[in-house]
Amino acid sequence: QVQLVESGGGLVQPGGSLRLSCTISGSIFRFWFYVMGWYRQVPGKQRELVATMTKGNSTDYADSVKGRFTISRDNAKNTVYLQMNSLKSEDTAVYYCNAILIASGLHYWGQGTQVTVSS
């Protein structure tokens, strides 16, 4: 059973930085068969895309985070990262790791990690 485990959330002041990590386990497919991404959600709103990264390291970012967030992946560690710099209060949300198995289009989700940006 595929599992995604996130870590790295927490409370940070505006202008600060956090790095989220997400490790995938339990898959019979190698890590590079997945498009990895990060989404976020605040209460009362739809989950929104933050960043994605293909096995070829092609990336896509939401306009609101371009220039501040960086997604990266370590295929040897089955891990995707989200480096978040210059954080703003509007970045406060639950952040979810997402994996899309390229062969089937199946989505897998982590349990979510809370990021709170506040002074």
PDB file of N, CA and C in Angstrom:
ATOM      1  N   GLN A   1       0.846  -1.184   0.000  1.00  0.00           N
ATOM      2  CA  GLN A   1       0.000   0.000   0.000  1.00  0.00           C
ATOM      3  C   GLN A   1       0.887   1.241   0.000  1.00  0.00           C
ATOM      4  N   VAL A   2       0.596   2.121  -0.946  1.00  0.00           N
ATOM      5  CA  VAL A   2       1.396   3.334  -1.070  1.00  0.00           C
ATOM      6  C   VAL A   2       1.076   4.291   0.074  1.00  0.00           C
ATOM      7  N   GLN A   3       2.116   4.789   0.719  1.00  0.00           N
ATOM      8  CA  GLN A   3       1.950   5.768   1.792  1.00  0.00           C
ATOM      9  C   GLN A   3       2.869   6.959   1.550  1.00  0.00           C
ATOM     10  N   LEU A   4       2.342   8.144   1.832  1.00  0.00           N
ATOM     11  CA  LEU A   4       3.118   9.367   1.761  1.00  0.00           C
ATOM     12  C   LEU A   4       3.154   9.968   3.164  1.00  0.00           C
ATOM     13  N   VAL A   5       4.343  10.203   3.653  1.00  0.00           N
ATOM     14  CA  VAL A   5       4.500  10.752   4.999  1.00  0.00           C
ATOM     15  C   VAL A   5       5.200  12.102   4.912  1.00  0.00           C
ATOM     16  N   GLU A   6       4.508  13.121   5.403  1.00  0.00           N
ATOM     17  CA  GLU A   6       5.036  14.485   5.346  1.00  0.00           C
ATOM     18  C   GLU A   6       5.635  14.879   6.680  1.00  0.00           C
ATOM     19  N   SER A   7       6.528  15.838   6.629  1.00  0.00           N
ATOM     20  CA  SER A   7       7.086  16.420   7.845  1.00  0.00           C
ATOM     21  C   SER A   7       7.587  17.819   7.529  1.00  0.00           C
ATOM     22  N   GLY A   8       7.823  18.590   8.591  1.00  0.00           N
ATOM     23  CA  GLY A   8       8.442  19.894   8.413  1.00  0.00           C
ATOM     24  C   GLY A   8       7.540  21.087   8.620  1.00  0.00           C
ATOM     25  N   GLY A   9       6.263  20.866   8.843  1.00  0.00           N
ATOM     26  CA  GLY A   9       5.372  21.998   9.076  1.00  0.00           C
ATOM     27  C   GLY A   9       5.615  22.619  10.448  1.00  0.00           C
ATOM     28  N   GLY A  10       4.929  23.731  10.695  1.00  0.00           N
ATOM     29  CA  GLY A  10       5.068  24.377  11.986  1.00  0.00           C
ATOM     30  C   GLY A  10       4.682  25.838  11.937  1.00  0.00           C
ATOM     31  N   LEU A  11       5.075  26.548  12.978  1.00  0.00           N
ATOM     32  CA  LEU A  11       4.789  27.976  13.115  1.00  0.00           C
ATOM     33  C   LEU A  11       6.039  28.773  12.773  1.00  0.00           C
ATOM     34  N   VAL A  12       5.870  29.779  11.934  1.00  0.00           N
ATOM     35  CA  VAL A  12       7.003  30.609  11.528  1.00  0.00           C
ATOM     36  C   VAL A  12       6.522  32.052  11.396  1.00  0.00           C
ATOM     37  N   GLN A  13       7.418  32.977  11.638  1.00  0.00           N
ATOM     38  CA  GLN A  13       7.074  34.394  11.504  1.00  0.00           C
ATOM     39  C   GLN A  13       7.080  34.809  10.035  1.00  0.00           C
ATOM     40  N   PRO A  14       6.326  35.842   9.711  1.00  0.00           N
ATOM     41  CA  PRO A  14       6.368  36.360   8.332  1.00  0.00           C
ATOM     42  C   PRO A  14       7.796  36.686   7.915  1.00  0.00           C
ATOM     43  N   GLY A  15       8.134  36.300   6.685  1.00  0.00           N
ATOM     44  CA  GLY A  15       9.489  36.482   6.190  1.00  0.00           C
ATOM     45  C   GLY A  15      10.399  35.307   6.454  1.00  0.00           C
ATOM     46  N   GLY A  16       9.936  34.371   7.246  1.00  0.00           N
ATOM     47  CA  GLY A  16      10.746  33.213   7.596  1.00  0.00           C
ATOM     48  C   GLY A  16      10.680  32.110   6.550  1.00  0.00           C
ATOM     49  N   SER A  17      11.326  30.997   6.882  1.00  0.00           N
ATOM     50  CA  SER A  17      11.424  29.871   5.955  1.00  0.00           C
ATOM     51  C   SER A  17      11.065  28.567   6.645  1.00  0.00           C
ATOM     52  N   LEU A  18      10.582  27.637   5.849  1.00  0.00           N
ATOM     53  CA  LEU A  18      10.332  26.270   6.283  1.00  0.00           C
ATOM     54  C   LEU A  18      10.636  25.346   5.116  1.00  0.00           C
ATOM     55  N   ARG A  19      10.995  24.111   5.443  1.00  0.00           N
ATOM     56  CA  ARG A  19      11.159  23.108   4.396  1.00  0.00           C
ATOM     57  C   ARG A  19      10.292  21.906   4.737  1.00  0.00           C
ATOM     58  N   LEU A  20       9.417  21.572   3.827  1.00  0.00           N
ATOM     59  CA  LEU A  20       8.575  20.393   3.969  1.00  0.00           C
ATOM     60  C   LEU A  20       9.224  19.216   3.245  1.00  0.00           C
ATOM     61  N   SER A  21       9.018  18.034   3.812  1.00  0.00           N
ATOM     62  CA  SER A  21       9.511  16.813   3.190  1.00  0.00           C
ATOM     63  C   SER A  21       8.372  15.813   3.063  1.00  0.00           C
ATOM     64  N   CYS A  22       8.451  14.982   2.058  1.00  0.00           N
ATOM     65  CA  CYS A  22       7.445  13.936   1.862  1.00  0.00           C
ATOM     66  C   CYS A  22       8.140  12.706   1.299  1.00  0.00           C
ATOM     67  N   THR A  23       8.012  11.606   2.011  1.00  0.00           N
ATOM     68  CA  THR A  23       8.631  10.355   1.585  1.00  0.00           C
ATOM     69  C   THR A  23       7.550   9.361   1.217  1.00  0.00           C
ATOM     70  N   ILE A  24       7.722   8.726   0.084  1.00  0.00           N
ATOM     71  CA  ILE A  24       6.766   7.725  -0.388  1.00  0.00           C
ATOM     72  C   ILE A  24       7.311   6.325  -0.081  1.00  0.00           C
ATOM     73  N   SER A  25       6.429   5.443   0.340  1.00  0.00           N
ATOM     74  CA  SER A  25       6.830   4.072   0.629  1.00  0.00           C
ATOM     75  C   SER A  25       5.709   3.128   0.215  1.00  0.00           C
ATOM     76  N   GLY A  26       6.062   1.850   0.125  1.00  0.00           N
ATOM     77  CA  GLY A  26       5.062   0.823  -0.147  1.00  0.00           C
ATOM     78  C   GLY A  26       4.688   0.653  -1.604  1.00  0.00           C
ATOM     79  N   SER A  27       5.397   1.335  -2.493  1.00  0.00           N
ATOM     80  CA  SER A  27       5.050   1.232  -3.904  1.00  0.00           C
ATOM     81  C   SER A  27       5.915   0.201  -4.601  1.00  0.00           C
ATOM     82  N   ILE A  28       5.315  -0.523  -5.548  1.00  0.00           N
ATOM     83  CA  ILE A  28       6.113  -1.451  -6.334  1.00  0.00           C
ATOM     84  C   ILE A  28       6.795  -0.737  -7.493  1.00  0.00           C
ATOM     85  N   PHE A  29       6.408   0.515  -7.714  1.00  0.00           N
ATOM     86  CA  PHE A  29       6.996   1.310  -8.773  1.00  0.00           C
ATOM     87  C   PHE A  29       8.101   2.204  -8.214  1.00  0.00           C
ATOM     88  N   ARG A  30       9.115   2.412  -9.038  1.00  0.00           N
ATOM     89  CA  ARG A  30      10.176   3.299  -8.616  1.00  0.00           C
ATOM     90  C   ARG A  30       9.661   4.731  -8.486  1.00  0.00           C
ATOM     91  N   PHE A  31      10.340   5.511  -7.663  1.00  0.00           N
ATOM     92  CA  PHE A  31       9.927   6.868  -7.359  1.00  0.00           C
ATOM     93  C   PHE A  31       9.790   7.724  -8.608  1.00  0.00           C
ATOM     94  N   TRP A  32      10.631   7.473  -9.594  1.00  0.00           N
ATOM     95  CA  TRP A  32      10.585   8.334 -10.763  1.00  0.00           C
ATOM     96  C   TRP A  32       9.394   8.070 -11.682  1.00  0.00           C
ATOM     97  N   PHE A  33       8.578   7.078 -11.320  1.00  0.00           N
ATOM     98  CA  PHE A  33       7.346   6.847 -12.050  1.00  0.00           C
ATOM     99  C   PHE A  33       6.216   7.757 -11.585  1.00  0.00           C
ATOM    100  N   TYR A  34       6.526   8.590 -10.609  1.00  0.00           N
ATOM    101  CA  TYR A  34       5.514   9.472 -10.054  1.00  0.00           C
ATOM    102  C   TYR A  34       5.810  10.924 -10.381  1.00  0.00           C
ATOM    103  N   VAL A  35       4.746  11.676 -10.697  1.00  0.00           N
ATOM    104  CA  VAL A  35       4.814  13.121 -10.667  1.00  0.00           C
ATOM    105  C   VAL A  35       4.505  13.518  -9.229  1.00  0.00           C
ATOM    106  N   MET A  36       5.396  14.264  -8.627  1.00  0.00           N
ATOM    107  CA  MET A  36       5.229  14.632  -7.223  1.00  0.00           C
ATOM    108  C   MET A  36       4.808  16.093  -7.113  1.00  0.00           C
ATOM    109  N   GLY A  37       4.014  16.375  -6.108  1.00  0.00           N
ATOM    110  CA  GLY A  37       3.560  17.744  -5.956  1.00  0.00           C
ATOM    111  C   GLY A  37       3.147  18.084  -4.540  1.00  0.00           C
ATOM    112  N   TRP A  38       2.921  19.365  -4.348  1.00  0.00           N
ATOM    113  CA  TRP A  38       2.420  19.892  -3.083  1.00  0.00           C
ATOM    114  C   TRP A  38       1.174  20.721  -3.361  1.00  0.00           C
ATOM    115  N   TYR A  39       0.180  20.515  -2.518  1.00  0.00           N
ATOM    116  CA  TYR A  39      -1.059  21.290  -2.555  1.00  0.00           C
ATOM    117  C   TYR A  39      -1.270  21.874  -1.169  1.00  0.00           C
ATOM    118  N   ARG A  40      -2.173  22.837  -1.085  1.00  0.00           N
ATOM    119  CA  ARG A  40      -2.513  23.380   0.223  1.00  0.00           C
ATOM    120  C   ARG A  40      -3.993  23.711   0.283  1.00  0.00           C
ATOM    121  N   GLN A  41      -4.484  23.757   1.503  1.00  0.00           N
ATOM    122  CA  GLN A  41      -5.910  24.010   1.696  1.00  0.00           C
ATOM    123  C   GLN A  41      -6.133  24.766   2.996  1.00  0.00           C
ATOM    124  N   VAL A  42      -7.007  25.756   2.908  1.00  0.00           N
ATOM    125  CA  VAL A  42      -7.448  26.469   4.105  1.00  0.00           C
ATOM    126  C   VAL A  42      -8.927  26.168   4.301  1.00  0.00           C
ATOM    127  N   PRO A  43      -9.411  26.262   5.514  1.00  0.00           N
ATOM    128  CA  PRO A  43     -10.832  25.929   5.771  1.00  0.00           C
ATOM    129  C   PRO A  43     -11.765  26.755   4.906  1.00  0.00           C
ATOM    130  N   GLY A  44     -12.735  26.065   4.299  1.00  0.00           N
ATOM    131  CA  GLY A  44     -13.729  26.744   3.490  1.00  0.00           C
ATOM    132  C   GLY A  44     -13.325  26.983   2.055  1.00  0.00           C
ATOM    133  N   LYS A  45     -12.112  26.582   1.699  1.00  0.00           N
ATOM    134  CA  LYS A  45     -11.644  26.770   0.331  1.00  0.00           C
ATOM    135  C   LYS A  45     -11.200  25.454  -0.275  1.00  0.00           C
ATOM    136  N   GLN A  46     -11.148  25.443  -1.609  1.00  0.00           N
ATOM    137  CA  GLN A  46     -10.703  24.242  -2.295  1.00  0.00           C
ATOM    138  C   GLN A  46      -9.197  24.064  -2.144  1.00  0.00           C
ATOM    139  N   ARG A  47      -8.794  22.815  -2.222  1.00  0.00           N
ATOM    140  CA  ARG A  47      -7.373  22.523  -2.221  1.00  0.00           C
ATOM    141  C   ARG A  47      -6.764  23.087  -3.499  1.00  0.00           C
ATOM    142  N   GLU A  48      -5.620  23.735  -3.370  1.00  0.00           N
ATOM    143  CA  GLU A  48      -5.006  24.362  -4.531  1.00  0.00           C
ATOM    144  C   GLU A  48      -3.590  23.859  -4.744  1.00  0.00           C
ATOM    145  N   LEU A  49      -3.199  23.845  -6.002  1.00  0.00           N
ATOM    146  CA  LEU A  49      -1.860  23.419  -6.365  1.00  0.00           C
ATOM    147  C   LEU A  49      -0.842  24.457  -5.921  1.00  0.00           C
ATOM    148  N   VAL A  50       0.247  23.971  -5.330  1.00  0.00           N
ATOM    149  CA  VAL A  50       1.351  24.853  -4.963  1.00  0.00           C
ATOM    150  C   VAL A  50       2.512  24.654  -5.941  1.00  0.00           C
ATOM    151  N   ALA A  51       2.919  23.399  -6.122  1.00  0.00           N
ATOM    152  CA  ALA A  51       4.046  23.116  -7.001  1.00  0.00           C
ATOM    153  C   ALA A  51       4.033  21.645  -7.386  1.00  0.00           C
ATOM    154  N   THR A  52       4.528  21.366  -8.593  1.00  0.00           N
ATOM    155  CA  THR A  52       4.687  19.983  -9.019  1.00  0.00           C
ATOM    156  C   THR A  52       6.044  19.804  -9.686  1.00  0.00           C
ATOM    157  N   MET A  53       6.484  18.541  -9.736  1.00  0.00           N
ATOM    158  CA  MET A  53       7.766  18.229 -10.353  1.00  0.00           C
ATOM    159  C   MET A  53       7.707  16.849 -10.977  1.00  0.00           C
ATOM    160  N   THR A  54       8.077  16.770 -12.241  1.00  0.00           N
ATOM    161  CA  THR A  54       8.104  15.482 -12.921  1.00  0.00           C
ATOM    162  C   THR A  54       9.439  14.784 -12.695  1.00  0.00           C
ATOM    163  N   LYS A  55       9.551  13.558 -13.198  1.00  0.00           N
ATOM    164  CA  LYS A  55      10.803  12.827 -13.027  1.00  0.00           C
ATOM    165  C   LYS A  55      11.917  13.493 -13.812  1.00  0.00           C
ATOM    166  N   GLY A  56      11.545  14.234 -14.837  1.00  0.00           N
ATOM    167  CA  GLY A  56      12.536  14.962 -15.628  1.00  0.00           C
ATOM    168  C   GLY A  56      12.858  16.320 -15.058  1.00  0.00           C
ATOM    169  N   ASN A  57      12.377  16.558 -13.831  1.00  0.00           N
ATOM    170  CA  ASN A  57      12.633  17.801 -13.109  1.00  0.00           C
ATOM    171  C   ASN A  57      11.963  19.022 -13.724  1.00  0.00           C
ATOM    172  N   SER A  58      10.946  18.792 -14.515  1.00  0.00           N
ATOM    173  CA  SER A  58      10.134  19.909 -14.982  1.00  0.00           C
ATOM    174  C   SER A  58       9.228  20.358 -13.844  1.00  0.00           C
ATOM    175  N   THR A  59       9.162  21.663 -13.599  1.00  0.00           N
ATOM    176  CA  THR A  59       8.406  22.164 -12.458  1.00  0.00           C
ATOM    177  C   THR A  59       7.290  23.114 -12.890  1.00  0.00           C
ATOM    178  N   ASP A  60       6.325  23.226 -12.012  1.00  0.00           N
ATOM    179  CA  ASP A  60       5.224  24.165 -12.220  1.00  0.00           C
ATOM    180  C   ASP A  60       4.850  24.719 -10.854  1.00  0.00           C
ATOM    181  N   TYR A  61       4.593  26.025 -10.800  1.00  0.00           N
ATOM    182  CA  TYR A  61       4.286  26.675  -9.536  1.00  0.00           C
ATOM    183  C   TYR A  61       3.033  27.532  -9.652  1.00  0.00           C
ATOM    184  N   ALA A  62       2.322  27.633  -8.547  1.00  0.00           N
ATOM    185  CA  ALA A  62       1.246  28.608  -8.485  1.00  0.00           C
ATOM    186  C   ALA A  62       1.861  30.002  -8.554  1.00  0.00           C
ATOM    187  N   ASP A  63       1.164  30.918  -9.192  1.00  0.00           N
ATOM    188  CA  ASP A  63       1.686  32.276  -9.327  1.00  0.00           C
ATOM    189  C   ASP A  63       1.999  32.899  -7.976  1.00  0.00           C
ATOM    190  N   SER A  64       1.217  32.565  -6.978  1.00  0.00           N
ATOM    191  CA  SER A  64       1.356  33.183  -5.658  1.00  0.00           C
ATOM    192  C   SER A  64       2.639  32.788  -4.941  1.00  0.00           C
ATOM    193  N   VAL A  65       3.295  31.711  -5.397  1.00  0.00           N
ATOM    194  CA  VAL A  65       4.503  31.252  -4.702  1.00  0.00           C
ATOM    195  C   VAL A  65       5.748  31.327  -5.567  1.00  0.00           C
ATOM    196  N   LYS A  66       5.606  31.693  -6.827  1.00  0.00           N
ATOM    197  CA  LYS A  66       6.764  31.765  -7.724  1.00  0.00           C
ATOM    198  C   LYS A  66       7.806  32.734  -7.168  1.00  0.00           C
ATOM    199  N   GLY A  67       9.049  32.276  -7.213  1.00  0.00           N
ATOM    200  CA  GLY A  67      10.137  33.094  -6.703  1.00  0.00           C
ATOM    201  C   GLY A  67      10.370  32.965  -5.205  1.00  0.00           C
ATOM    202  N   ARG A  68       9.440  32.316  -4.508  1.00  0.00           N
ATOM    203  CA  ARG A  68       9.593  32.140  -3.054  1.00  0.00           C
ATOM    204  C   ARG A  68       9.702  30.660  -2.667  1.00  0.00           C
ATOM    205  N   PHE A  69       9.001  29.801  -3.362  1.00  0.00           N
ATOM    206  CA  PHE A  69       9.001  28.372  -3.052  1.00  0.00           C
ATOM    207  C   PHE A  69       9.785  27.616  -4.118  1.00  0.00           C
ATOM    208  N   THR A  70      10.434  26.534  -3.694  1.00  0.00           N
ATOM    209  CA  THR A  70      11.164  25.679  -4.617  1.00  0.00           C
ATOM    210  C   THR A  70      10.865  24.224  -4.307  1.00  0.00           C
ATOM    211  N   ILE A  71      10.437  23.502  -5.317  1.00  0.00           N
ATOM    212  CA  ILE A  71      10.200  22.075  -5.172  1.00  0.00           C
ATOM    213  C   ILE A  71      11.411  21.324  -5.711  1.00  0.00           C
ATOM    214  N   SER A  72      11.768  20.249  -5.021  1.00  0.00           N
ATOM    215  CA  SER A  72      12.887  19.421  -5.467  1.00  0.00           C
ATOM    216  C   SER A  72      12.597  17.975  -5.076  1.00  0.00           C
ATOM    217  N   ARG A  73      13.326  17.071  -5.680  1.00  0.00           N
ATOM    218  CA  ARG A  73      13.114  15.666  -5.346  1.00  0.00           C
ATOM    219  C   ARG A  73      14.442  14.936  -5.318  1.00  0.00           C
ATOM    220  N   ASP A  74      14.515  13.940  -4.452  1.00  0.00           N
ATOM    221  CA  ASP A  74      15.674  13.069  -4.343  1.00  0.00           C
ATOM    222  C   ASP A  74      15.180  11.663  -4.651  1.00  0.00           C
ATOM    223  N   ASN A  75      15.433  11.212  -5.864  1.00  0.00           N
ATOM    224  CA  ASN A  75      14.914   9.905  -6.286  1.00  0.00           C
ATOM    225  C   ASN A  75      15.532   8.759  -5.495  1.00  0.00           C
ATOM    226  N   ALA A  76      16.745   8.941  -5.022  1.00  0.00           N
ATOM    227  CA  ALA A  76      17.402   7.892  -4.241  1.00  0.00           C
ATOM    228  C   ALA A  76      16.747   7.719  -2.869  1.00  0.00           C
ATOM    229  N   LYS A  77      16.149   8.800  -2.362  1.00  0.00           N
ATOM    230  CA  LYS A  77      15.514   8.757  -1.035  1.00  0.00           C
ATOM    231  C   LYS A  77      13.995   8.695  -1.124  1.00  0.00           C
ATOM    232  N   ASN A  78      13.456   8.624  -2.346  1.00  0.00           N
ATOM    233  CA  ASN A  78      12.001   8.594  -2.529  1.00  0.00           C
ATOM    234  C   ASN A  78      11.329   9.768  -1.841  1.00  0.00           C
ATOM    235  N   THR A  79      11.944  10.912  -1.924  1.00  0.00           N
ATOM    236  CA  THR A  79      11.497  12.074  -1.164  1.00  0.00           C
ATOM    237  C   THR A  79      11.380  13.305  -2.049  1.00  0.00           C
ATOM    238  N   VAL A  80      10.329  14.063  -1.789  1.00  0.00           N
ATOM    239  CA  VAL A  80      10.151  15.364  -2.438  1.00  0.00           C
ATOM    240  C   VAL A  80      10.157  16.425  -1.357  1.00  0.00           C
ATOM    241  N   TYR A  81      10.691  17.582  -1.688  1.00  0.00           N
ATOM    242  CA  TYR A  81      10.821  18.673  -0.732  1.00  0.00           C
ATOM    243  C   TYR A  81      10.102  19.914  -1.255  1.00  0.00           C
ATOM    244  N   LEU A  82       9.726  20.763  -0.328  1.00  0.00           N
ATOM    245  CA  LEU A  82       9.219  22.082  -0.690  1.00  0.00           C
ATOM    246  C   LEU A  82       9.917  23.098   0.217  1.00  0.00           C
ATOM    247  N   GLN A  83      10.832  23.833  -0.361  1.00  0.00           N
ATOM    248  CA  GLN A  83      11.515  24.902   0.373  1.00  0.00           C
ATOM    249  C   GLN A  83      10.673  26.158   0.240  1.00  0.00           C
ATOM    250  N   MET A  84      10.269  26.704   1.376  1.00  0.00           N
ATOM    251  CA  MET A  84       9.393  27.879   1.383  1.00  0.00           C
ATOM    252  C   MET A  84      10.130  29.038   2.049  1.00  0.00           C
ATOM    253  N   ASN A  85      10.390  30.056   1.283  1.00  0.00           N
ATOM    254  CA  ASN A  85      11.074  31.256   1.781  1.00  0.00           C
ATOM    255  C   ASN A  85      10.145  32.458   1.712  1.00  0.00           C
ATOM    256  N   SER A  86      10.516  33.498   2.421  1.00  0.00           N
ATOM    257  CA  SER A  86       9.747  34.750   2.437  1.00  0.00           C
ATOM    258  C   SER A  86       8.270  34.476   2.685  1.00  0.00           C
ATOM    259  N   LEU A  87       8.006  33.688   3.687  1.00  0.00           N
ATOM    260  CA  LEU A  87       6.633  33.269   3.955  1.00  0.00           C
ATOM    261  C   LEU A  87       5.753  34.435   4.356  1.00  0.00           C
ATOM    262  N   LYS A  88       4.500  34.354   3.928  1.00  0.00           N
ATOM    263  CA  LYS A  88       3.510  35.378   4.212  1.00  0.00           C
ATOM    264  C   LYS A  88       2.354  34.756   4.991  1.00  0.00           C
ATOM    265  N   SER A  89       1.576  35.601   5.632  1.00  0.00           N
ATOM    266  CA  SER A  89       0.444  35.081   6.410  1.00  0.00           C
ATOM    267  C   SER A  89      -0.527  34.319   5.514  1.00  0.00           C
ATOM    268  N   GLU A  90      -0.640  34.735   4.269  1.00  0.00           N
ATOM    269  CA  GLU A  90      -1.562  34.048   3.357  1.00  0.00           C
ATOM    270  C   GLU A  90      -1.068  32.676   2.913  1.00  0.00           C
ATOM    271  N   ASP A  91       0.148  32.311   3.298  1.00  0.00           N
ATOM    272  CA  ASP A  91       0.636  30.955   3.028  1.00  0.00           C
ATOM    273  C   ASP A  91       0.172  29.970   4.097  1.00  0.00           C
ATOM    274  N   THR A  92      -0.451  30.474   5.133  1.00  0.00           N
ATOM    275  CA  THR A  92      -0.962  29.609   6.190  1.00  0.00           C
ATOM    276  C   THR A  92      -1.999  28.649   5.622  1.00  0.00           C
ATOM    277  N   ALA A  93      -1.776  27.359   5.845  1.00  0.00           N
ATOM    278  CA  ALA A  93      -2.662  26.323   5.293  1.00  0.00           C
ATOM    279  C   ALA A  93      -2.167  24.960   5.756  1.00  0.00           C
ATOM    280  N   VAL A  94      -2.978  23.967   5.477  1.00  0.00           N
ATOM    281  CA  VAL A  94      -2.508  22.588   5.587  1.00  0.00           C
ATOM    282  C   VAL A  94      -1.916  22.211   4.232  1.00  0.00           C
ATOM    283  N   TYR A  95      -0.702  21.743   4.244  1.00  0.00           N
ATOM    284  CA  TYR A  95      -0.004  21.385   3.019  1.00  0.00           C
ATOM    285  C   TYR A  95      -0.027  19.866   2.852  1.00  0.00           C
ATOM    286  N   TYR A  96      -0.395  19.442   1.648  1.00  0.00           N
ATOM    287  CA  TYR A  96      -0.529  18.021   1.339  1.00  0.00           C
ATOM    288  C   TYR A  96       0.453  17.627   0.245  1.00  0.00           C
ATOM    289  N   CYS A  97       1.106  16.521   0.467  1.00  0.00           N
ATOM    290  CA  CYS A  97       1.948  15.924  -0.554  1.00  0.00           C
ATOM    291  C   CYS A  97       1.071  15.087  -1.481  1.00  0.00           C
ATOM    292  N   ASN A  98       1.389  15.132  -2.755  1.00  0.00           N
ATOM    293  CA  ASN A  98       0.625  14.386  -3.755  1.00  0.00           C
ATOM    294  C   ASN A  98       1.567  13.637  -4.683  1.00  0.00           C
ATOM    295  N   ALA A  99       1.168  12.408  -5.020  1.00  0.00           N
ATOM    296  CA  ALA A  99       1.932  11.614  -5.978  1.00  0.00           C
ATOM    297  C   ALA A  99       0.972  11.083  -7.034  1.00  0.00           C
ATOM    298  N   ILE A 100       1.327  11.259  -8.285  1.00  0.00           N
ATOM    299  CA  ILE A 100       0.528  10.740  -9.394  1.00  0.00           C
ATOM    300  C   ILE A 100       1.338   9.673 -10.102  1.00  0.00           C
ATOM    301  N   LEU A 101       0.812   8.456 -10.088  1.00  0.00           N
ATOM    302  CA  LEU A 101       1.473   7.372 -10.796  1.00  0.00           C
ATOM    303  C   LEU A 101       1.236   7.569 -12.289  1.00  0.00           C
ATOM    304  N   ILE A 102       2.299   7.792 -13.020  1.00  0.00           N
ATOM    305  CA  ILE A 102       2.184   8.158 -14.431  1.00  0.00           C
ATOM    306  C   ILE A 102       1.462   7.088 -15.233  1.00  0.00           C
ATOM    307  N   ALA A 103       1.721   5.828 -14.926  1.00  0.00           N
ATOM    308  CA  ALA A 103       1.170   4.727 -15.724  1.00  0.00           C
ATOM    309  C   ALA A 103      -0.355   4.630 -15.632  1.00  0.00           C
ATOM    310  N   SER A 104      -0.907   5.033 -14.505  1.00  0.00           N
ATOM    311  CA  SER A 104      -2.339   4.833 -14.280  1.00  0.00           C
ATOM    312  C   SER A 104      -3.125   6.119 -14.040  1.00  0.00           C
ATOM    313  N   GLY A 105      -2.421   7.179 -13.675  1.00  0.00           N
ATOM    314  CA  GLY A 105      -3.102   8.419 -13.315  1.00  0.00           C
ATOM    315  C   GLY A 105      -3.654   8.437 -11.909  1.00  0.00           C
ATOM    316  N   LEU A 106      -3.377   7.382 -11.135  1.00  0.00           N
ATOM    317  CA  LEU A 106      -3.864   7.332  -9.764  1.00  0.00           C
ATOM    318  C   LEU A 106      -3.157   8.392  -8.909  1.00  0.00           C
ATOM    319  N   HIS A 107      -3.959   9.014  -8.026  1.00  0.00           N
ATOM    320  CA  HIS A 107      -3.428  10.016  -7.101  1.00  0.00           C
ATOM    321  C   HIS A 107      -3.291   9.398  -5.709  1.00  0.00           C
ATOM    322  N   TYR A 108      -2.234   9.751  -5.043  1.00  0.00           N
ATOM    323  CA  TYR A 108      -2.032   9.378  -3.652  1.00  0.00           C
ATOM    324  C   TYR A 108      -1.752  10.652  -2.866  1.00  0.00           C
ATOM    325  N   TRP A 109      -2.244  10.654  -1.616  1.00  0.00           N
ATOM    326  CA  TRP A 109      -2.126  11.859  -0.788  1.00  0.00           C
ATOM    327  C   TRP A 109      -1.512  11.534   0.564  1.00  0.00           C
ATOM    328  N   GLY A 110      -0.753  12.502   1.073  1.00  0.00           N
ATOM    329  CA  GLY A 110      -0.279  12.419   2.435  1.00  0.00           C
ATOM    330  C   GLY A 110      -1.361  12.891   3.398  1.00  0.00           C
ATOM    331  N   GLN A 111      -1.043  12.845   4.678  1.00  0.00           N
ATOM    332  CA  GLN A 111      -2.028  13.185   5.702  1.00  0.00           C
ATOM    333  C   GLN A 111      -2.141  14.691   5.933  1.00  0.00           C
ATOM    334  N   GLY A 112      -1.195  15.443   5.415  1.00  0.00           N
ATOM    335  CA  GLY A 112      -1.213  16.893   5.573  1.00  0.00           C
ATOM    336  C   GLY A 112      -0.357  17.343   6.744  1.00  0.00           C
ATOM    337  N   THR A 113       0.246  18.515   6.571  1.00  0.00           N
ATOM    338  CA  THR A 113       1.037  19.112   7.639  1.00  0.00           C
ATOM    339  C   THR A 113       0.691  20.603   7.712  1.00  0.00           C
ATOM    340  N   GLN A 114       0.485  21.072   8.925  1.00  0.00           N
ATOM    341  CA  GLN A 114       0.042  22.451   9.119  1.00  0.00           C
ATOM    342  C   GLN A 114       1.222  23.406   9.030  1.00  0.00           C
ATOM    343  N   VAL A 115       1.044  24.459   8.247  1.00  0.00           N
ATOM    344  CA  VAL A 115       1.999  25.562   8.191  1.00  0.00           C
ATOM    345  C   VAL A 115       1.260  26.822   8.622  1.00  0.00           C
ATOM    346  N   THR A 116       1.760  27.470   9.657  1.00  0.00           N
ATOM    347  CA  THR A 116       1.154  28.695  10.159  1.00  0.00           C
ATOM    348  C   THR A 116       2.189  29.802  10.129  1.00  0.00           C
ATOM    349  N   VAL A 117       1.850  30.879   9.431  1.00  0.00           N
ATOM    350  CA  VAL A 117       2.737  32.035   9.334  1.00  0.00           C
ATOM    351  C   VAL A 117       2.097  33.172  10.123  1.00  0.00           C
ATOM    352  N   SER A 118       2.710  33.492  11.243  1.00  0.00           N
ATOM    353  CA  SER A 118       2.119  34.492  12.125  1.00  0.00           C
ATOM    354  C   SER A 118       3.187  35.084  13.027  1.00  0.00           C
ATOM    355  N   SER A 119       3.009  36.349  13.366  1.00  0.00           N
ATOM    356  CA  SER A 119       3.920  36.998  14.314  1.00  0.00           C
ATOM    357  C   SER A 119       3.378  36.874  15.730  1.00  0.00           C
TER     358      SER A 119
END
